[in-house]
Amino acid sequence: MVSSFGNFGEKVYYDCDTVKSSTEQMLKDLGASDINVKCRGGIDHFHWGFTREAFVKTSFVASAGEELQRVELKDSEGCHLVYEIFDGLQDSFQISDIEKSSCSRINRAYELSFNIVK
């Protein structure tokens, strides 16, 4: 589930298209293959005003390499969603030395770096 609570208790919801594409991109950045992402919930564009948390189900093959790589991800917006996705996926990979920029507002710029075995 992608949390609907920001860092200061504000409510935030995402549509499933955004959650799905962001999750797929994160999995690619992590070196996964055979990626399949499904999402339910989120903002319902057909019934305006109906919102709930977005629930994500993934299947993928995590890289089983032996090379340690430093990955750096950054963008000018979207820290809350990216960090929620990363936190939900990181246990499936060999990740260490995680550094995250502050995410004081849900759509703030972010910088995320970490070591990963690929």
C-alpha atoms as a PDB file:
ATOM      1  CA  MET A   1       0.000   0.000   0.000  1.00  0.00           C
ATOM      2  CA  VAL A   2       1.173   3.494  -0.782  1.00  0.00           C
ATOM      3  CA  SER A   3       0.562   5.480   2.389  1.00  0.00           C
ATOM      4  CA  SER A   4      -1.946   8.289   2.193  1.00  0.00           C
ATOM      5  CA  PHE A   5      -0.236  10.186   5.017  1.00  0.00           C
ATOM      6  CA  GLY A   6       2.537  12.654   4.352  1.00  0.00           C
ATOM      7  CA  ASN A   7       5.223  13.522   6.884  1.00  0.00           C
ATOM      8  CA  PHE A   8       3.059  16.029   8.743  1.00  0.00           C
ATOM      9  CA  GLY A   9      -0.221  14.106   8.696  1.00  0.00           C
ATOM     10  CA  GLU A  10      -1.584  15.622   5.499  1.00  0.00           C
ATOM     11  CA  LYS A  11      -3.588  13.250   3.311  1.00  0.00           C
ATOM     12  CA  VAL A  12      -2.320  12.472  -0.169  1.00  0.00           C
ATOM     13  CA  TYR A  13      -3.689  10.104  -2.787  1.00  0.00           C
ATOM     14  CA  TYR A  14      -2.298   8.926  -6.119  1.00  0.00           C
ATOM     15  CA  ASP A  15      -3.959   7.519  -9.188  1.00  0.00           C
ATOM     16  CA  CYS A  16      -2.969   3.976 -10.107  1.00  0.00           C
ATOM     17  CA  ASP A  17      -1.408   4.978 -13.437  1.00  0.00           C
ATOM     18  CA  THR A  18       1.106   7.155 -11.602  1.00  0.00           C
ATOM     19  CA  VAL A  19       1.795   4.551  -8.919  1.00  0.00           C
ATOM     20  CA  LYS A  20       2.176   1.771 -11.484  1.00  0.00           C
ATOM     21  CA  SER A  21       4.550   3.677 -13.764  1.00  0.00           C
ATOM     22  CA  SER A  22       6.625   4.947 -10.811  1.00  0.00           C
ATOM     23  CA  THR A  23       6.887   1.422  -9.380  1.00  0.00           C
ATOM     24  CA  GLU A  24       7.919  -0.004 -12.752  1.00  0.00           C
ATOM     25  CA  GLN A  25      10.592   2.676 -13.122  1.00  0.00           C
ATOM     26  CA  MET A  26      11.920   2.061  -9.604  1.00  0.00           C
ATOM     27  CA  LEU A  27      12.156  -1.678 -10.306  1.00  0.00           C
ATOM     28  CA  LYS A  28      14.107  -0.964 -13.494  1.00  0.00           C
ATOM     29  CA  ASP A  29      16.417   1.369 -11.551  1.00  0.00           C
ATOM     30  CA  LEU A  30      16.966  -1.452  -9.051  1.00  0.00           C
ATOM     31  CA  GLY A  31      17.944  -3.837 -11.852  1.00  0.00           C
ATOM     32  CA  ALA A  32      14.841  -6.048 -11.789  1.00  0.00           C
ATOM     33  CA  SER A  33      13.585  -7.967 -14.798  1.00  0.00           C
ATOM     34  CA  ASP A  34      10.336  -9.751 -15.744  1.00  0.00           C
ATOM     35  CA  ILE A  35       8.459  -6.868 -14.107  1.00  0.00           C
ATOM     36  CA  ASN A  36       4.709  -7.071 -13.591  1.00  0.00           C
ATOM     37  CA  VAL A  37       2.935  -4.371 -11.560  1.00  0.00           C
ATOM     38  CA  LYS A  38      -0.761  -4.204 -10.742  1.00  0.00           C
ATOM     39  CA  CYS A  39      -2.488  -1.436  -8.824  1.00  0.00           C
ATOM     40  CA  ARG A  40      -5.964  -1.033  -7.359  1.00  0.00           C
ATOM     41  CA  GLY A  41      -7.571   1.781  -5.438  1.00  0.00           C
ATOM     42  CA  GLY A  42      -6.177   5.279  -5.591  1.00  0.00           C
ATOM     43  CA  ILE A  43      -7.991   8.192  -7.174  1.00  0.00           C
ATOM     44  CA  ASP A  44     -11.019   7.090  -9.171  1.00  0.00           C
ATOM     45  CA  HIS A  45     -11.187   9.383 -12.207  1.00  0.00           C
ATOM     46  CA  PHE A  46     -14.605   8.034 -13.220  1.00  0.00           C
ATOM     47  CA  HIS A  47     -16.268   8.789  -9.879  1.00  0.00           C
ATOM     48  CA  TRP A  48     -14.854  12.191  -9.042  1.00  0.00           C
ATOM     49  CA  GLY A  49     -14.079  12.669  -5.384  1.00  0.00           C
ATOM     50  CA  PHE A  50     -13.811   8.973  -4.497  1.00  0.00           C
ATOM     51  CA  THR A  51     -10.315   8.288  -3.210  1.00  0.00           C
ATOM     52  CA  ARG A  52      -8.556   5.601  -1.222  1.00  0.00           C
ATOM     53  CA  GLU A  53      -5.055   4.275  -0.758  1.00  0.00           C
ATOM     54  CA  ALA A  54      -3.386   2.712  -3.769  1.00  0.00           C
ATOM     55  CA  PHE A  55      -2.540  -0.953  -3.310  1.00  0.00           C
ATOM     56  CA  VAL A  56       0.302  -2.334  -5.429  1.00  0.00           C
ATOM     57  CA  LYS A  57       1.097  -5.943  -6.236  1.00  0.00           C
ATOM     58  CA  THR A  58       4.391  -6.706  -7.938  1.00  0.00           C
ATOM     59  CA  SER A  59       6.170  -9.681  -9.379  1.00  0.00           C
ATOM     60  CA  PHE A  60       9.717  -9.448 -10.684  1.00  0.00           C
ATOM     61  CA  VAL A  61      13.092 -11.109 -10.711  1.00  0.00           C
ATOM     62  CA  ALA A  62      15.684  -9.316  -8.607  1.00  0.00           C
ATOM     63  CA  SER A  63      19.170  -9.179 -10.066  1.00  0.00           C
ATOM     64  CA  ALA A  64      21.436 -11.882  -8.673  1.00  0.00           C
ATOM     65  CA  GLY A  65      24.744 -10.349  -9.690  1.00  0.00           C
ATOM     66  CA  GLU A  66      27.847  -9.843  -7.606  1.00  0.00           C
ATOM     67  CA  GLU A  67      28.823  -6.306  -8.595  1.00  0.00           C
ATOM     68  CA  LEU A  68      28.273  -3.513  -6.077  1.00  0.00           C
ATOM     69  CA  GLN A  69      26.989  -0.354  -7.745  1.00  0.00           C
ATOM     70  CA  ARG A  70      26.124   3.096  -6.425  1.00  0.00           C
ATOM     71  CA  VAL A  71      22.728   4.268  -7.665  1.00  0.00           C
ATOM     72  CA  GLU A  72      21.663   7.905  -7.507  1.00  0.00           C
ATOM     73  CA  LEU A  73      18.081   8.914  -8.242  1.00  0.00           C
ATOM     74  CA  LYS A  74      16.833  12.486  -8.199  1.00  0.00           C
ATOM     75  CA  ASP A  75      14.016  14.557  -9.574  1.00  0.00           C
ATOM     76  CA  SER A  76      12.486  17.973  -9.065  1.00  0.00           C
ATOM     77  CA  GLU A  77       9.294  16.544  -7.524  1.00  0.00           C
ATOM     78  CA  GLY A  78       7.616  13.477  -6.057  1.00  0.00           C
ATOM     79  CA  CYS A  79       9.642  12.585  -2.954  1.00  0.00           C
ATOM     80  CA  HIS A  80       6.739  11.073  -0.993  1.00  0.00           C
ATOM     81  CA  LEU A  81       5.685   8.606  -3.678  1.00  0.00           C
ATOM     82  CA  VAL A  82       9.251   7.623  -4.612  1.00  0.00           C
ATOM     83  CA  TYR A  83      10.223   7.031  -0.978  1.00  0.00           C
ATOM     84  CA  GLU A  84       7.046   5.018  -0.316  1.00  0.00           C
ATOM     85  CA  ILE A  85       7.794   2.780  -3.315  1.00  0.00           C
ATOM     86  CA  PHE A  86      11.480   2.426  -2.438  1.00  0.00           C
ATOM     87  CA  ASP A  87      10.695   1.535   1.178  1.00  0.00           C
ATOM     88  CA  GLY A  88       8.258  -1.127  -0.007  1.00  0.00           C
ATOM     89  CA  LEU A  89      10.742  -2.717  -2.422  1.00  0.00           C
ATOM     90  CA  GLN A  90      14.144  -2.414  -0.749  1.00  0.00           C
ATOM     91  CA  ASP A  91      13.938  -5.662   1.252  1.00  0.00           C
ATOM     92  CA  SER A  92      13.820  -7.632  -2.019  1.00  0.00           C
ATOM     93  CA  PHE A  93      17.276  -6.374  -3.007  1.00  0.00           C
ATOM     94  CA  GLN A  94      20.758  -6.257  -1.472  1.00  0.00           C
ATOM     95  CA  ILE A  95      20.826  -2.543  -0.638  1.00  0.00           C
ATOM     96  CA  SER A  96      23.073  -0.653   1.785  1.00  0.00           C
ATOM     97  CA  ASP A  97      24.278   2.855   2.625  1.00  0.00           C
ATOM     98  CA  ILE A  98      20.966   4.560   1.857  1.00  0.00           C
ATOM     99  CA  GLU A  99      20.962   8.358   1.758  1.00  0.00           C
ATOM    100  CA  LYS A 100      17.692  10.284   1.329  1.00  0.00           C
ATOM    101  CA  SER A 101      17.074  13.986   1.115  1.00  0.00           C
ATOM    102  CA  SER A 102      14.415  15.478   3.337  1.00  0.00           C
ATOM    103  CA  CYS A 103      10.804  15.135   2.208  1.00  0.00           C
ATOM    104  CA  SER A 104       9.075  17.874   4.174  1.00  0.00           C
ATOM    105  CA  ARG A 105       6.376  18.356   1.517  1.00  0.00           C
ATOM    106  CA  ILE A 106       4.871  15.476  -0.451  1.00  0.00           C
ATOM    107  CA  ASN A 107       5.802  16.792  -3.888  1.00  0.00           C
ATOM    108  CA  ARG A 108       9.223  18.134  -3.019  1.00  0.00           C
ATOM    109  CA  ALA A 109      12.384  17.407  -5.006  1.00  0.00           C
ATOM    110  CA  TYR A 110      14.344  14.373  -3.873  1.00  0.00           C
ATOM    111  CA  GLU A 111      17.777  12.807  -3.980  1.00  0.00           C
ATOM    112  CA  LEU A 112      18.050   9.122  -3.153  1.00  0.00           C
ATOM    113  CA  SER A 113      21.311   7.219  -3.321  1.00  0.00           C
ATOM    114  CA  PHE A 114      22.322   3.744  -2.211  1.00  0.00           C
ATOM    115  CA  ASN A 115      24.615   0.820  -2.912  1.00  0.00           C
ATOM    116  CA  ILE A 116      23.054  -2.234  -4.539  1.00  0.00           C
ATOM    117  CA  VAL A 117      24.369  -5.597  -5.655  1.00  0.00           C
ATOM    118  CA  LYS A 118      23.458  -6.115  -9.324  1.00  0.00           C
END
